[in-house]
Protein backbone atom coordinates (compact mmCIF):
# COMPACT_ATOMS: atom_id res chain seq x y z
CA MET A 1 -31.94 -37.53 50.78
CA ALA A 2 -30.71 -34.87 53.22
CA MET A 3 -27.12 -36.15 52.86
CA VAL A 4 -27.34 -35.88 49.03
CA LEU A 5 -28.57 -32.28 49.29
CA LEU A 6 -25.79 -31.46 51.76
CA ASP A 7 -23.13 -32.95 49.44
CA THR A 8 -24.56 -30.98 46.53
CA GLU A 9 -24.52 -27.74 48.53
CA LEU A 10 -20.93 -28.35 49.63
CA THR A 11 -19.86 -29.07 46.06
CA ALA A 12 -21.51 -25.91 44.73
CA SER A 13 -19.95 -23.92 47.56
CA GLN A 14 -16.52 -25.33 46.77
CA VAL A 15 -16.88 -24.54 43.08
CA LEU A 16 -17.94 -20.98 43.92
CA ARG A 17 -14.96 -20.49 46.24
CA VAL A 18 -12.56 -21.87 43.62
CA PHE A 19 -14.12 -19.67 40.96
CA HIS A 20 -13.67 -16.55 43.12
CA ARG A 21 -10.01 -17.48 43.68
CA ASP A 22 -9.45 -18.04 39.97
CA GLU A 23 -11.72 -15.46 38.39
CA ILE A 24 -9.05 -12.79 37.80
CA PHE A 25 -6.74 -15.37 36.23
CA LEU A 26 -9.54 -16.88 34.15
CA PHE A 27 -10.33 -13.37 32.95
CA LEU A 28 -6.67 -12.66 32.13
CA GLY A 29 -6.35 -16.00 30.35
CA SER A 30 -9.38 -15.18 28.23
CA ALA A 31 -8.10 -11.65 27.60
CA PHE A 32 -4.65 -12.84 26.51
CA THR A 33 -6.17 -15.45 24.20
CA THR A 34 -8.51 -12.83 22.74
CA VAL A 35 -5.59 -10.46 22.12
CA GLY A 36 -3.78 -13.22 20.23
CA LEU A 37 -6.84 -14.04 18.13
CA VAL A 38 -7.43 -10.35 17.35
CA ILE A 39 -3.82 -9.97 16.20
CA GLY A 40 -4.21 -13.05 14.00
CA GLY A 41 -7.47 -11.72 12.57
CA PHE A 42 -5.81 -8.38 11.90
CA MET A 43 -3.12 -10.08 9.81
CA ILE A 44 -5.76 -12.00 7.86
CA ILE A 45 -7.71 -8.81 7.13
CA ARG A 46 -4.55 -7.04 6.00
CA ARG A 47 -3.58 -10.07 3.90
CA ARG A 48 -0.02 -9.43 4.88
CA PHE A 49 2.12 -11.75 7.00
CA ASP A 50 4.05 -10.00 9.77
CA VAL A 51 6.50 -12.27 11.57
CA LEU A 52 6.51 -10.10 14.70
CA LEU A 53 2.72 -10.10 14.99
CA PHE A 54 2.57 -13.82 14.19
CA TRP A 55 4.83 -14.83 17.07
CA LEU A 56 3.17 -12.35 19.45
CA ALA A 57 -0.26 -13.81 18.57
CA LEU A 58 0.94 -17.37 19.28
CA PHE A 59 2.66 -16.24 22.47
CA ALA A 60 -0.53 -14.57 23.77
CA ILE A 61 -2.77 -17.51 22.79
CA PHE A 62 -0.51 -20.14 24.35
CA TYR A 63 -0.04 -18.04 27.48
CA GLY A 64 -3.79 -17.52 27.90
CA GLN A 65 -4.50 -21.22 27.42
CA ARG A 66 -1.81 -22.16 29.92
CA MET A 67 -3.54 -20.00 32.52
CA TRP A 68 -6.81 -21.83 31.89
CA MET A 69 -5.10 -25.22 32.03
CA ARG A 70 -3.54 -24.32 35.39
CA SER A 71 -6.77 -23.10 36.98
CA GLU A 72 -8.18 -24.98 39.94
CA LEU A 73 -11.66 -24.71 38.43
CA LEU A 74 -10.63 -26.75 35.38
CA ALA A 75 -8.95 -29.29 37.67
CA MET A 76 -12.26 -29.76 39.52
CA ILE A 77 -14.18 -30.26 36.26
CA ILE A 78 -11.73 -32.69 34.60
CA PRO A 79 -11.03 -35.89 36.51
CA PRO A 80 -7.35 -36.36 37.50
CA SER A 81 -5.38 -38.28 34.90
CA THR A 82 -1.80 -38.79 33.75
CA PHE A 83 -2.74 -37.51 30.29
CA PHE A 84 -4.13 -34.19 31.62
CA ALA A 85 -1.12 -33.64 33.88
CA ARG A 86 1.26 -34.33 30.99
CA LEU A 87 -0.76 -32.05 28.67
CA LYS A 88 -0.44 -29.16 31.15
CA SER A 89 3.33 -29.60 31.24
CA ILE A 90 3.59 -29.77 27.44
CA ILE A 91 1.69 -26.48 27.17
CA ASP A 92 4.10 -24.98 29.70
CA PHE A 93 6.98 -26.00 27.43
CA LEU A 94 5.21 -24.69 24.31
CA VAL A 95 4.64 -21.18 25.68
CA ALA A 96 8.34 -20.34 25.65
CA LEU A 97 8.85 -21.22 21.96
CA PRO A 98 6.90 -18.34 20.36
CA ALA A 99 8.26 -16.09 23.10
CA PHE A 100 11.85 -16.70 21.96
CA PHE A 101 10.97 -16.16 18.32
CA PHE A 102 9.05 -12.99 19.20
CA PHE A 103 11.97 -11.51 21.12
CA ASP A 104 14.25 -12.34 18.19
CA ALA A 105 11.82 -10.75 15.68
CA THR A 106 11.77 -7.48 17.66
CA GLY A 107 15.43 -6.99 16.79
CA PHE A 108 16.10 -5.79 20.34
CA LEU A 109 18.75 -8.45 20.92
CA GLY A 110 20.61 -8.40 17.61
CA LYS A 111 22.90 -11.34 16.85
CA PRO A 112 22.90 -12.69 20.44
CA GLY A 113 19.13 -12.95 20.18
CA LYS A 114 19.33 -15.17 17.10
CA ILE A 115 21.82 -17.47 18.79
CA LEU A 116 19.71 -17.59 21.96
CA THR A 117 16.56 -18.35 19.93
CA LEU A 118 18.19 -21.20 18.02
CA VAL A 119 19.72 -22.83 21.11
CA ALA A 120 16.73 -22.40 23.44
CA SER A 121 14.13 -23.44 20.86
CA GLY A 122 16.20 -26.49 19.95
CA VAL A 123 16.38 -27.60 23.58
CA LEU A 124 12.67 -26.95 24.17
CA LEU A 125 11.65 -28.87 21.06
CA CYS A 126 13.60 -31.85 22.37
CA VAL A 127 11.88 -31.48 25.74
CA ILE A 128 8.43 -31.37 24.07
CA VAL A 129 9.17 -34.44 21.96
CA ALA A 130 10.39 -36.27 25.06
CA ALA A 131 7.24 -35.28 26.97
CA ILE A 132 5.01 -36.54 24.17
CA ALA A 133 7.03 -39.77 24.06
CA GLY A 134 6.33 -40.36 27.78
CA ALA A 135 9.63 -39.39 29.43
CA PRO A 136 9.55 -38.58 33.17
CA MET A 137 8.19 -35.06 33.63
CA GLY A 138 10.35 -34.06 36.62
CA PRO A 139 13.67 -33.79 34.72
CA LEU A 140 11.92 -32.20 31.75
CA ARG A 141 10.44 -29.46 33.94
CA THR A 142 13.88 -28.83 35.42
CA ILE A 143 15.41 -28.48 31.95
CA ASN A 144 12.59 -26.15 30.89
CA ASN A 145 13.07 -23.95 33.97
CA VAL A 146 16.84 -23.77 33.47
CA VAL A 147 16.45 -22.78 29.82
CA VAL A 148 13.84 -20.13 30.63
CA ILE A 149 15.85 -18.70 33.55
CA CYS A 150 19.06 -18.46 31.50
CA ALA A 151 17.19 -16.93 28.56
CA LEU A 152 15.49 -14.35 30.77
CA LEU A 153 18.80 -13.34 32.33
CA ILE A 154 20.41 -12.94 28.90
CA LEU A 155 17.35 -11.01 27.70
CA ALA A 156 17.54 -8.61 30.64
CA VAL A 157 21.28 -8.00 30.23
CA GLU A 158 21.02 -7.43 26.46
CA LEU A 159 18.07 -5.06 26.78
CA LEU A 160 19.83 -2.96 29.41
CA ARG A 161 23.04 -2.64 27.42
CA ARG A 162 21.38 -1.73 24.12
CA PRO A 163 21.36 1.94 22.99
CA ILE A 164 18.00 3.69 23.11
CA PRO A 165 16.84 4.63 19.57
CA ASP A 166 13.50 6.22 20.55
CA LYS A 167 10.78 6.48 23.21
CA ASN A 168 8.85 3.56 21.77
CA PHE A 169 11.85 1.32 22.37
CA VAL A 170 12.03 2.49 26.00
CA VAL A 171 8.38 1.62 26.64
CA ALA A 172 8.62 -1.78 24.92
CA ARG A 173 11.91 -2.56 26.65
CA ASN A 174 10.56 -1.67 30.08
CA GLY A 175 7.51 -3.87 29.46
CA LEU A 176 9.77 -6.74 28.47
CA LEU A 177 11.97 -6.25 31.53
CA ILE A 178 8.96 -6.19 33.87
CA PHE A 179 7.61 -9.38 32.33
CA ALA A 180 11.07 -10.97 32.45
CA ALA A 181 11.33 -10.09 36.16
CA PHE A 182 7.96 -11.66 36.96
CA ALA A 183 8.73 -14.72 34.84
CA LEU A 184 12.13 -15.09 36.45
CA TRP A 185 10.58 -14.85 39.90
CA ASN A 186 8.06 -17.51 38.94
CA ASN A 187 10.63 -19.92 37.54
CA LEU A 188 12.86 -19.48 40.59
CA GLY A 189 9.93 -20.49 42.77
CA GLY A 190 9.12 -17.12 44.34
CA VAL A 191 6.78 -16.98 47.31
CA LEU A 192 4.01 -15.55 45.13
CA GLY A 193 4.03 -18.69 42.98
CA TYR A 194 2.98 -18.94 39.35
CA LYS A 195 0.10 -16.53 39.80
CA SER A 196 2.46 -13.54 39.89
CA GLU A 197 3.67 -13.97 36.30
CA PRO A 198 0.39 -13.14 34.47
CA TYR A 199 0.48 -9.63 35.91
CA GLY A 200 3.87 -9.12 34.30
CA PHE A 201 2.57 -10.51 31.02
CA GLY A 202 -0.41 -8.15 31.20
CA ILE A 203 1.91 -5.17 31.76
CA PHE A 204 4.04 -6.34 28.83
CA LEU A 205 1.01 -6.53 26.50
CA GLY A 206 -0.14 -3.14 27.77
CA CYS A 207 3.24 -1.62 26.89
CA LEU A 208 3.08 -3.18 23.42
CA GLY A 209 -0.45 -1.83 23.00
CA TYR A 210 0.75 1.64 24.00
CA VAL A 211 3.58 1.48 21.47
CA ALA A 212 1.21 0.23 18.77
CA ALA A 213 -1.29 3.01 19.51
CA ARG A 214 1.46 5.62 19.52
CA ARG A 215 2.86 4.39 16.23
CA ALA A 216 -0.65 4.35 14.74
CA LEU A 217 -1.12 7.96 15.84
CA GLU A 218 2.26 8.90 14.35
CA ARG A 219 1.31 7.17 11.09
CA ASP A 220 -2.01 9.03 11.04
CA GLN A 221 -0.18 12.32 11.54
CA GLN A 222 2.28 11.45 8.79
CA LEU A 223 -0.59 10.39 6.52
CA ASN A 224 -2.45 13.65 7.18
CA ALA A 225 0.70 15.63 6.42
CA LEU A 226 1.22 13.59 3.26
CA GLN A 227 -2.40 14.16 2.20
CA LYS A 228 -1.95 17.90 2.64
CA GLU A 229 1.25 17.79 0.61
CA LEU A 230 -0.52 15.80 -2.12
CA GLU A 231 -3.32 18.36 -2.21
CA VAL A 232 -0.75 21.11 -2.66
CA ALA A 233 1.01 19.02 -5.34
CA LYS A 234 -2.35 18.47 -7.08
CA ARG A 235 -3.06 22.21 -7.14
CA ILE A 236 0.43 22.90 -8.43
CA GLN A 237 0.10 20.28 -11.16
CA LEU A 238 -3.29 21.59 -12.22
CA SER A 239 -1.75 25.06 -12.39
CA ILE A 240 0.75 23.91 -15.04
CA LEU A 241 -2.13 22.91 -17.32
CA PRO A 242 -3.23 25.74 -19.60
CA PRO A 243 -6.47 27.67 -19.10
CA GLU A 244 -9.24 27.22 -21.64
CA PHE A 245 -8.26 27.69 -25.25
CA PRO A 246 -9.00 31.33 -26.10
CA THR A 247 -12.01 32.16 -28.23
CA SER A 248 -11.05 31.74 -31.87
CA ALA A 249 -12.80 32.21 -35.19
CA TYR A 250 -11.02 29.14 -36.51
CA PHE A 251 -10.67 26.61 -33.70
CA ARG A 252 -12.74 25.27 -30.86
CA VAL A 253 -10.73 23.23 -28.36
CA ALA A 254 -11.74 21.22 -25.28
CA ALA A 255 -9.49 19.14 -23.02
CA ARG A 256 -9.94 17.02 -19.90
CA TYR A 257 -7.39 15.52 -17.55
CA VAL A 258 -8.46 12.72 -15.16
CA PRO A 259 -5.54 11.44 -13.04
CA MET A 260 -5.63 7.95 -11.57
CA THR A 261 -4.27 9.28 -8.25
CA SER A 262 -4.03 12.76 -6.74
CA VAL A 263 -1.19 13.60 -9.08
CA ALA A 264 -0.13 11.84 -12.25
CA GLY A 265 1.96 11.93 -15.41
CA ASP A 266 -0.43 12.98 -18.19
CA PHE A 267 0.00 16.47 -19.57
CA TYR A 268 -1.35 18.74 -22.30
CA ASP A 269 -0.60 22.28 -23.39
CA PHE A 270 -1.45 24.90 -26.01
CA LEU A 271 1.88 26.09 -27.35
CA GLU A 272 0.25 28.33 -29.93
CA ALA A 273 -3.20 29.84 -29.54
CA LYS A 274 -3.54 33.05 -31.56
CA ASP A 275 -3.81 34.57 -35.06
CA GLY A 276 -5.55 31.56 -36.58
CA LYS A 277 -2.92 29.16 -35.31
CA ALA A 278 -3.09 26.37 -32.75
CA GLY A 279 -0.26 24.23 -31.39
CA LEU A 280 -1.64 21.33 -29.34
CA LEU A 281 0.62 19.07 -27.28
CA ILE A 282 -0.29 15.95 -25.33
CA ALA A 283 2.18 13.81 -23.34
CA ASP A 284 2.18 10.74 -21.11
CA VAL A 285 4.94 10.01 -18.60
CA SER A 286 5.63 6.37 -17.75
CA GLY A 287 4.56 5.34 -14.27
CA HIS A 288 2.10 6.99 -11.93
CA GLY A 289 1.91 9.20 -8.89
CA VAL A 290 4.38 11.78 -7.65
CA PRO A 291 7.44 10.68 -9.73
CA ALA A 292 5.42 10.87 -12.95
CA ALA A 293 3.93 14.22 -11.90
CA LEU A 294 7.39 15.68 -11.29
CA ILE A 295 8.53 14.62 -14.74
CA ALA A 296 5.29 16.03 -16.23
CA SER A 297 6.39 19.39 -14.79
CA MET A 298 9.71 18.92 -16.55
CA VAL A 299 7.84 18.21 -19.80
CA LYS A 300 6.07 21.56 -19.34
CA VAL A 301 9.43 23.32 -19.00
CA ALA A 302 10.90 21.43 -21.95
CA ALA A 303 7.92 22.33 -24.16
CA ASN A 304 8.04 26.01 -23.18
CA SER A 305 11.73 26.12 -24.03
CA GLN A 306 10.88 25.06 -27.60
CA ARG A 307 8.08 27.54 -28.35
CA GLU A 308 10.20 29.08 -31.08
CA HIS A 309 9.70 25.78 -32.96
CA ALA A 310 5.95 25.70 -32.38
CA ALA A 311 5.29 25.70 -36.14
CA HIS A 312 7.67 22.75 -36.66
CA PRO A 313 6.54 19.65 -34.72
CA ALA A 314 9.63 17.55 -35.53
CA LYS A 315 12.02 20.25 -34.29
CA LEU A 316 9.90 20.86 -31.21
CA LEU A 317 9.98 17.18 -30.18
CA ALA A 318 13.70 16.92 -30.89
CA GLY A 319 14.35 19.95 -28.69
CA MET A 320 12.17 18.54 -25.89
CA ASN A 321 14.02 15.24 -26.10
CA ALA A 322 17.40 16.98 -25.80
CA THR A 323 16.17 18.88 -22.73
CA LEU A 324 14.74 15.80 -21.00
CA CYS A 325 17.49 13.27 -21.71
CA GLY A 326 19.45 12.39 -18.57
CA ASN A 327 17.00 14.15 -16.26
CA THR A 328 14.13 11.69 -15.82
CA GLN A 329 15.69 8.80 -13.85
CA SER A 330 15.19 6.35 -16.74
CA GLN A 331 11.49 7.16 -17.06
CA PHE A 332 10.30 7.94 -20.56
CA VAL A 333 7.68 10.17 -22.13
CA THR A 334 5.42 9.63 -25.11
CA ALA A 335 4.09 12.73 -26.80
CA ALA A 336 2.14 13.98 -29.82
CA TYR A 337 2.10 17.50 -31.21
CA VAL A 338 -0.10 18.99 -33.93
CA TYR A 339 0.25 22.47 -35.37
CA LEU A 340 -2.79 23.89 -37.16
CA ASP A 341 -2.55 26.92 -39.47
CA ALA A 342 -5.84 28.42 -40.63
CA ARG A 343 -4.05 30.74 -43.09
CA THR A 344 -2.55 27.87 -45.10
CA GLY A 345 -5.26 25.36 -44.20
CA GLU A 346 -2.66 22.78 -43.13
CA LEU A 347 -1.88 20.64 -40.14
CA HIS A 348 1.62 19.52 -39.25
CA TYR A 349 1.93 16.52 -36.96
CA ALA A 350 4.72 14.58 -35.25
CA ALA A 351 4.79 12.13 -32.35
CA ALA A 352 7.18 10.33 -30.04
CA ALA A 353 5.97 6.71 -29.57
CA HIS A 354 2.45 8.01 -28.97
CA LEU A 355 -0.91 6.59 -30.01
CA PRO A 356 -2.11 7.86 -33.42
CA MET A 357 -4.08 11.06 -33.76
CA LEU A 358 -7.63 10.56 -35.00
CA VAL A 359 -9.32 12.87 -37.52
CA LEU A 360 -13.08 12.86 -38.10
CA ARG A 361 -13.95 14.12 -41.60
CA ASP A 362 -17.26 13.76 -43.42
CA GLY A 363 -18.43 11.11 -40.95
CA LYS A 364 -15.32 8.94 -41.36
CA VAL A 365 -12.37 8.57 -38.98
CA ALA A 366 -8.77 8.36 -40.18
CA SER A 367 -5.63 7.69 -38.14
CA VAL A 368 -2.61 9.96 -38.51
CA GLU A 369 0.61 8.39 -37.30
CA GLU A 370 4.12 9.81 -37.65
CA ASN A 371 6.08 8.34 -34.77
CA GLY A 372 9.65 8.61 -33.60
CA LEU A 373 11.30 7.23 -30.48
CA MET A 374 9.96 8.07 -27.03
CA LEU A 375 11.33 11.16 -25.33
CA ALA A 376 13.97 11.26 -22.58
CA LEU A 377 15.78 7.98 -23.30
CA PHE A 378 17.86 8.41 -26.45
CA SER A 379 19.74 11.65 -27.07
CA SER A 380 20.28 10.66 -30.70
CA ALA A 381 16.54 10.27 -31.43
CA THR A 382 15.25 12.09 -34.50
CA TYR A 383 11.70 12.98 -35.49
CA THR A 384 9.80 13.61 -38.68
CA SER A 385 6.51 15.35 -39.30
CA THR A 386 3.66 14.90 -41.74
CA THR A 387 1.64 17.67 -43.36
CA GLN A 388 -2.01 17.32 -44.38
CA GLN A 389 -4.68 19.67 -45.67
CA LEU A 390 -7.43 20.76 -43.32
CA ARG A 391 -11.07 20.86 -44.30
CA GLU A 392 -13.94 22.72 -42.75
CA GLY A 393 -15.57 20.66 -40.01
CA ASP A 394 -12.50 18.48 -39.33
CA ARG A 395 -12.41 17.19 -35.77
CA ILE A 396 -9.04 16.18 -34.27
CA LEU A 397 -8.68 13.86 -31.28
CA LEU A 398 -5.52 13.49 -29.18
CA TYR A 399 -5.57 11.11 -26.20
CA THR A 400 -3.35 9.08 -23.85
CA ASP A 401 -3.22 5.30 -23.49
CA GLY A 402 -5.48 5.45 -20.42
CA ILE A 403 -8.31 5.97 -22.92
CA ALA A 404 -7.64 3.36 -25.60
CA GLU A 405 -6.20 0.77 -23.18
CA ALA A 406 -8.86 1.02 -20.47
CA GLU A 407 -9.84 -2.56 -19.53
CA ASN A 408 -13.23 -3.88 -18.47
CA GLY A 409 -13.83 -6.69 -15.99
CA SER A 410 -12.87 -9.27 -18.62
CA SER A 411 -9.47 -7.59 -19.21
CA GLU A 412 -10.65 -6.46 -22.67
CA GLN A 413 -9.34 -3.08 -23.79
CA PHE A 414 -11.62 -0.34 -25.08
CA GLY A 415 -9.42 -0.27 -28.16
CA HIS A 416 -8.87 1.76 -31.30
CA ASP A 417 -12.01 0.62 -33.16
CA ARG A 418 -14.42 1.52 -30.35
CA LEU A 419 -12.74 4.89 -29.96
CA CYS A 420 -13.12 5.57 -33.69
CA ALA A 421 -16.80 4.60 -33.56
CA LEU A 422 -17.27 6.87 -30.52
CA LEU A 423 -15.65 9.76 -32.38
CA GLN A 424 -18.02 9.17 -35.32
CA GLU A 425 -20.95 9.20 -32.90
CA SER A 426 -19.88 12.63 -31.63
CA ALA A 427 -20.11 14.32 -35.05
CA LYS A 428 -23.00 16.60 -34.07
CA LEU A 429 -21.70 17.39 -30.58
CA SER A 430 -19.52 20.29 -29.48
CA PRO A 431 -15.89 19.62 -28.47
CA ASP A 432 -16.84 19.92 -24.77
CA GLU A 433 -19.71 17.48 -25.22
CA THR A 434 -17.45 15.14 -27.16
CA VAL A 435 -14.85 15.06 -24.39
CA ASP A 436 -17.56 14.36 -21.82
CA LEU A 437 -19.02 11.60 -24.00
CA ILE A 438 -15.64 9.88 -24.40
CA LEU A 439 -14.84 9.98 -20.69
CA THR A 440 -18.33 8.79 -19.76
CA ARG A 441 -18.13 5.80 -22.09
CA ILE A 442 -14.63 4.95 -20.87
CA ASN A 443 -15.82 5.11 -17.25
CA GLU A 444 -18.74 2.81 -18.09
CA TRP A 445 -16.35 0.40 -19.83
CA ALA A 446 -13.73 0.47 -17.06
CA PRO A 447 -15.13 1.87 -13.78
CA SER A 448 -11.89 0.90 -12.01
CA GLN A 449 -9.34 3.36 -13.34
CA ASP A 450 -5.84 1.89 -13.65
CA ASP A 451 -4.20 4.68 -15.65
CA ASP A 452 -4.40 8.43 -16.15
CA ARG A 453 -6.92 9.57 -18.77
CA THR A 454 -6.50 12.67 -20.90
CA VAL A 455 -8.51 13.75 -23.97
CA LEU A 456 -8.06 16.76 -26.25
CA VAL A 457 -10.55 17.59 -29.04
CA CYS A 458 -10.14 20.37 -31.63
CA ASP A 459 -12.65 21.44 -34.31
CA TYR A 460 -11.51 23.41 -37.36
CA MET A 461 -13.89 25.94 -38.90
CA ALA A 462 -12.43 26.97 -42.25
CA GLY A 463 -15.47 29.03 -43.14
CA ALA A 464 -14.32 31.71 -40.74
CA GLN A 465 -11.16 32.23 -42.76
CA THR A 466 -10.89 35.54 -44.61
């Protein structure tokens, strides 16, 4: 009984001593494996494959597992066997494969790196297949060491002769060189043995982490600067929209502009707003974001240059088209313009590939459509206008396709009929309340906005006419 207790105490003591010798390397092995898994998880979360991160993740995981496989503690737990010894060697051979592909993916080595990767990986794959097939391990280890040593020497020479593009490259290169030096020392059988190499690998991962953190900080700074620029662009774009329509005895006008992003391509303007006259323009630039917003500013300039034709919608659109053609980088503009004259009691309307204007009269909604070609694409485009009589209480609705084409979760558009019914429902509301009602219903129909939304409502009050 005493002998059994003594053997147990000796065994526990041996395990504890082995653990203390291996604990730093067991920790590093776990840390390297964790780093690889975190990188892999990061790619999954991003849903974007990155070849550089992929090979680095495999490299770190394989390297961490090799350290565990080489630990004395694991050797004490697992009984000695040919299979376990061969498995350790195969893992040694596997570690170098993702390393070669990672170094190639960094682009540090250029064309020599691609050649090195193809040759070295081809040789190592043959070595791995031979090891699995049961070939003698001694010659295979020699081949593996020769390949790794030659590759490390080439890597060091190529890194040192490459020009230095930035500080991040210097840090990453120095980390690679330090790791290469430790790995070379290990494969040449240095006096420190295999346990020296993990320190070099840790330094290498630390350098990569520093570069990643620095690049993340630089991206954050760039993003903050971009956000500030977008805020300025948003204020500038809002400034090109007209102020509220002036108080009029004949017209009450309300308009709302809801961009999908900070800046966008929808636009409206009041080209005439005095003496019982109203010229209302709405436009929609193809695309989204900054490019569309820049062209929307050009639409503003083009419209202002045609104010002399404010009473003639067809001439106004033709003049805008001539101004925009050749200046929008192949992007196009749809537009609709209505001119209201309280003195004559008429409206004049023309459009350029825009959705029809809606008119609410006596509880019924009618579409007014007089379309020509879109603006900015065809210099030869011509436009025609239609003239209709106005009646007291007429309500006019202009809108962009972000309203009528808003889609719900089933990809069903809000559509023309629902918009007409909504306009009928607004008969007793003010123009401001009508605009709010339309946008509220559209937001309920399509909470996820995938286009800019602009609405313009005008009421005509003929009774004020003298």
